[in-house]
C-alpha atoms as a PDB file:
ATOM      1  CA  UNK A   1      19.281 -53.825 -16.795  1.00  0.00           C
ATOM      2  CA  UNK A   2      16.850 -53.712 -13.907  1.00  0.00           C
ATOM      3  CA  UNK A   3      13.495 -51.984 -14.020  1.00  0.00           C
ATOM      4  CA  UNK A   4      13.266 -48.848 -11.865  1.00  0.00           C
ATOM      5  CA  UNK A   5      11.669 -49.133  -8.443  1.00  0.00           C
ATOM      6  CA  UNK A   6      11.076 -45.424  -7.846  1.00  0.00           C
ATOM      7  CA  UNK A   7       9.977 -42.476  -9.922  1.00  0.00           C
ATOM      8  CA  UNK A   8      13.399 -40.877  -9.431  1.00  0.00           C
ATOM      9  CA  UNK A   9      15.096 -43.990 -10.833  1.00  0.00           C
ATOM     10  CA  UNK A  10      12.720 -43.910 -13.797  1.00  0.00           C
ATOM     11  CA  UNK A  11      13.439 -40.246 -14.475  1.00  0.00           C
ATOM     12  CA  UNK A  12      17.161 -41.032 -14.240  1.00  0.00           C
ATOM     13  CA  UNK A  13      16.767 -43.745 -16.904  1.00  0.00           C
ATOM     14  CA  UNK A  14      15.099 -41.282 -19.259  1.00  0.00           C
ATOM     15  CA  UNK A  15      17.826 -38.733 -18.531  1.00  0.00           C
ATOM     16  CA  UNK A  16      20.413 -41.412 -19.300  1.00  0.00           C
ATOM     17  CA  UNK A  17      18.680 -42.102 -22.625  1.00  0.00           C
ATOM     18  CA  UNK A  18      18.855 -38.382 -23.491  1.00  0.00           C
ATOM     19  CA  UNK A  19      22.566 -38.494 -22.683  1.00  0.00           C
ATOM     20  CA  UNK A  20      23.017 -41.593 -24.870  1.00  0.00           C
ATOM     21  CA  UNK A  21      21.382 -39.768 -27.780  1.00  0.00           C
ATOM     22  CA  UNK A  22      23.803 -36.880 -27.286  1.00  0.00           C
ATOM     23  CA  UNK A  23      26.711 -39.330 -27.297  1.00  0.00           C
ATOM     24  CA  UNK A  24      25.422 -41.049 -30.425  1.00  0.00           C
ATOM     25  CA  UNK A  25      25.053 -37.668 -32.130  1.00  0.00           C
ATOM     26  CA  UNK A  26      28.701 -36.905 -31.284  1.00  0.00           C
ATOM     27  CA  UNK A  27      29.745 -40.240 -32.800  1.00  0.00           C
ATOM     28  CA  UNK A  28      27.778 -39.444 -35.937  1.00  0.00           C
ATOM     29  CA  UNK A  29      29.525 -36.092 -36.261  1.00  0.00           C
ATOM     30  CA  UNK A  30      32.937 -37.702 -35.758  1.00  0.00           C
ATOM     31  CA  UNK A  31      32.398 -40.542 -38.213  1.00  0.00           C
ATOM     32  CA  UNK A  32      29.613 -39.564 -40.592  1.00  0.00           C
ATOM     33  CA  UNK A  33      30.345 -42.382 -43.022  1.00  0.00           C
ATOM     34  CA  UNK A  34      30.272 -45.172 -40.428  1.00  0.00           C
ATOM     35  CA  UNK A  35      27.249 -43.825 -38.542  1.00  0.00           C
ATOM     36  CA  UNK A  36      25.130 -42.795 -41.539  1.00  0.00           C
ATOM     37  CA  UNK A  37      22.298 -45.203 -40.656  1.00  0.00           C
ATOM     38  CA  UNK A  38      21.742 -43.275 -37.421  1.00  0.00           C
ATOM     39  CA  UNK A  39      20.938 -40.048 -39.254  1.00  0.00           C
ATOM     40  CA  UNK A  40      17.459 -41.284 -40.111  1.00  0.00           C
ATOM     41  CA  UNK A  41      16.301 -41.532 -36.502  1.00  0.00           C
ATOM     42  CA  UNK A  42      18.551 -39.415 -34.279  1.00  0.00           C
ATOM     43  CA  UNK A  43      16.529 -36.174 -34.447  1.00  0.00           C
ATOM     44  CA  UNK A  44      13.075 -37.705 -33.849  1.00  0.00           C
ATOM     45  CA  UNK A  45      14.433 -39.918 -31.068  1.00  0.00           C
ATOM     46  CA  UNK A  46      16.118 -36.940 -29.431  1.00  0.00           C
ATOM     47  CA  UNK A  47      12.934 -34.870 -29.624  1.00  0.00           C
ATOM     48  CA  UNK A  48      10.732 -37.633 -28.215  1.00  0.00           C
ATOM     49  CA  UNK A  49      13.056 -38.445 -25.311  1.00  0.00           C
ATOM     50  CA  UNK A  50      13.494 -34.783 -24.368  1.00  0.00           C
ATOM     51  CA  UNK A  51       9.719 -34.281 -24.480  1.00  0.00           C
ATOM     52  CA  UNK A  52       9.270 -37.322 -22.218  1.00  0.00           C
ATOM     53  CA  UNK A  53      11.909 -36.059 -19.793  1.00  0.00           C
ATOM     54  CA  UNK A  54      10.379 -32.569 -19.755  1.00  0.00           C
ATOM     55  CA  UNK A  55       6.931 -33.995 -19.027  1.00  0.00           C
ATOM     56  CA  UNK A  56       8.380 -35.986 -16.119  1.00  0.00           C
ATOM     57  CA  UNK A  57      10.195 -33.005 -14.636  1.00  0.00           C
ATOM     58  CA  UNK A  58       7.131 -30.768 -15.009  1.00  0.00           C
ATOM     59  CA  UNK A  59       4.988 -33.513 -13.447  1.00  0.00           C
ATOM     60  CA  UNK A  60       2.613 -33.745 -16.424  1.00  0.00           C
ATOM     61  CA  UNK A  61       3.666 -37.300 -17.273  1.00  0.00           C
ATOM     62  CA  UNK A  62       1.450 -40.157 -16.156  1.00  0.00           C
ATOM     63  CA  UNK A  63       1.828 -43.903 -16.344  1.00  0.00           C
ATOM     64  CA  UNK A  64       1.188 -46.821 -16.634  1.00  0.00           C
ATOM     65  CA  UNK A  65      -0.327 -46.638 -20.090  1.00  0.00           C
ATOM     66  CA  UNK A  66      -1.880 -49.087 -22.503  1.00  0.00           C
ATOM     67  CA  UNK A  67       0.148 -47.675 -25.384  1.00  0.00           C
ATOM     68  CA  UNK A  68       3.839 -47.688 -26.194  1.00  0.00           C
ATOM     69  CA  UNK A  69       5.901 -44.548 -26.065  1.00  0.00           C
ATOM     70  CA  UNK A  70       6.277 -42.884 -29.493  1.00  0.00           C
ATOM     71  CA  UNK A  71       9.953 -43.815 -29.835  1.00  0.00           C
ATOM     72  CA  UNK A  72       9.088 -47.512 -29.992  1.00  0.00           C
ATOM     73  CA  UNK A  73       8.337 -47.184 -33.708  1.00  0.00           C
ATOM     74  CA  UNK A  74      11.910 -45.928 -34.148  1.00  0.00           C
ATOM     75  CA  UNK A  75      13.185 -48.823 -32.069  1.00  0.00           C
ATOM     76  CA  UNK A  76      11.283 -51.320 -34.207  1.00  0.00           C
ATOM     77  CA  UNK A  77      12.790 -49.946 -37.402  1.00  0.00           C
ATOM     78  CA  UNK A  78      16.340 -49.177 -36.249  1.00  0.00           C
ATOM     79  CA  UNK A  79      16.827 -51.266 -33.103  1.00  0.00           C
ATOM     80  CA  UNK A  80      19.864 -53.183 -34.350  1.00  0.00           C
ATOM     81  CA  UNK A  81      21.853 -49.957 -34.838  1.00  0.00           C
ATOM     82  CA  UNK A  82      20.805 -48.293 -31.573  1.00  0.00           C
ATOM     83  CA  UNK A  83      23.474 -49.164 -28.989  1.00  0.00           C
ATOM     84  CA  UNK A  84      21.178 -48.347 -26.056  1.00  0.00           C
ATOM     85  CA  UNK A  85      18.189 -50.303 -27.333  1.00  0.00           C
ATOM     86  CA  UNK A  86      17.773 -52.201 -24.045  1.00  0.00           C
ATOM     87  CA  UNK A  87      17.577 -48.929 -22.098  1.00  0.00           C
ATOM     88  CA  UNK A  88      14.752 -47.731 -24.338  1.00  0.00           C
ATOM     89  CA  UNK A  89      12.953 -51.053 -23.916  1.00  0.00           C
ATOM     90  CA  UNK A  90      13.142 -50.774 -20.112  1.00  0.00           C
ATOM     91  CA  UNK A  91      11.792 -47.217 -20.263  1.00  0.00           C
ATOM     92  CA  UNK A  92       8.877 -48.329 -22.426  1.00  0.00           C
ATOM     93  CA  UNK A  93       8.131 -51.389 -20.279  1.00  0.00           C
ATOM     94  CA  UNK A  94       8.017 -49.154 -17.209  1.00  0.00           C
ATOM     95  CA  UNK A  95       5.738 -46.762 -19.083  1.00  0.00           C
ATOM     96  CA  UNK A  96       3.410 -49.640 -19.916  1.00  0.00           C
ATOM     97  CA  UNK A  97       3.462 -51.549 -16.617  1.00  0.00           C
ATOM     98  CA  UNK A  98       4.597 -49.111 -13.936  1.00  0.00           C
ATOM     99  CA  UNK A  99       7.453 -49.254 -11.492  1.00  0.00           C
ATOM    100  CA  UNK A 100       8.950 -52.555 -10.377  1.00  0.00           C
ATOM    101  CA  UNK A 101       7.886 -53.022  -6.798  1.00  0.00           C
END
């Protein structure tokens, strides 16, 4: 997955991550037994990604930053069971280092 070159591409990546959370939530609801491990992080991850997206759309978000995005602690704990882990890593790397020029 390539790093975004424009702010619009970056916002699209965050929007895609929100969509992926929605899809994962649907999978959890369909197969609660198989997806039980995802229950521990799905709500906080959803909240954090939506807050990030909202801050981007409202133009209150700023980057680059010296700190990781809050969802990185979730990624560290549950990364192996998050199917879109790489997407979240790209979002955080862009947050930390800026757009790929």
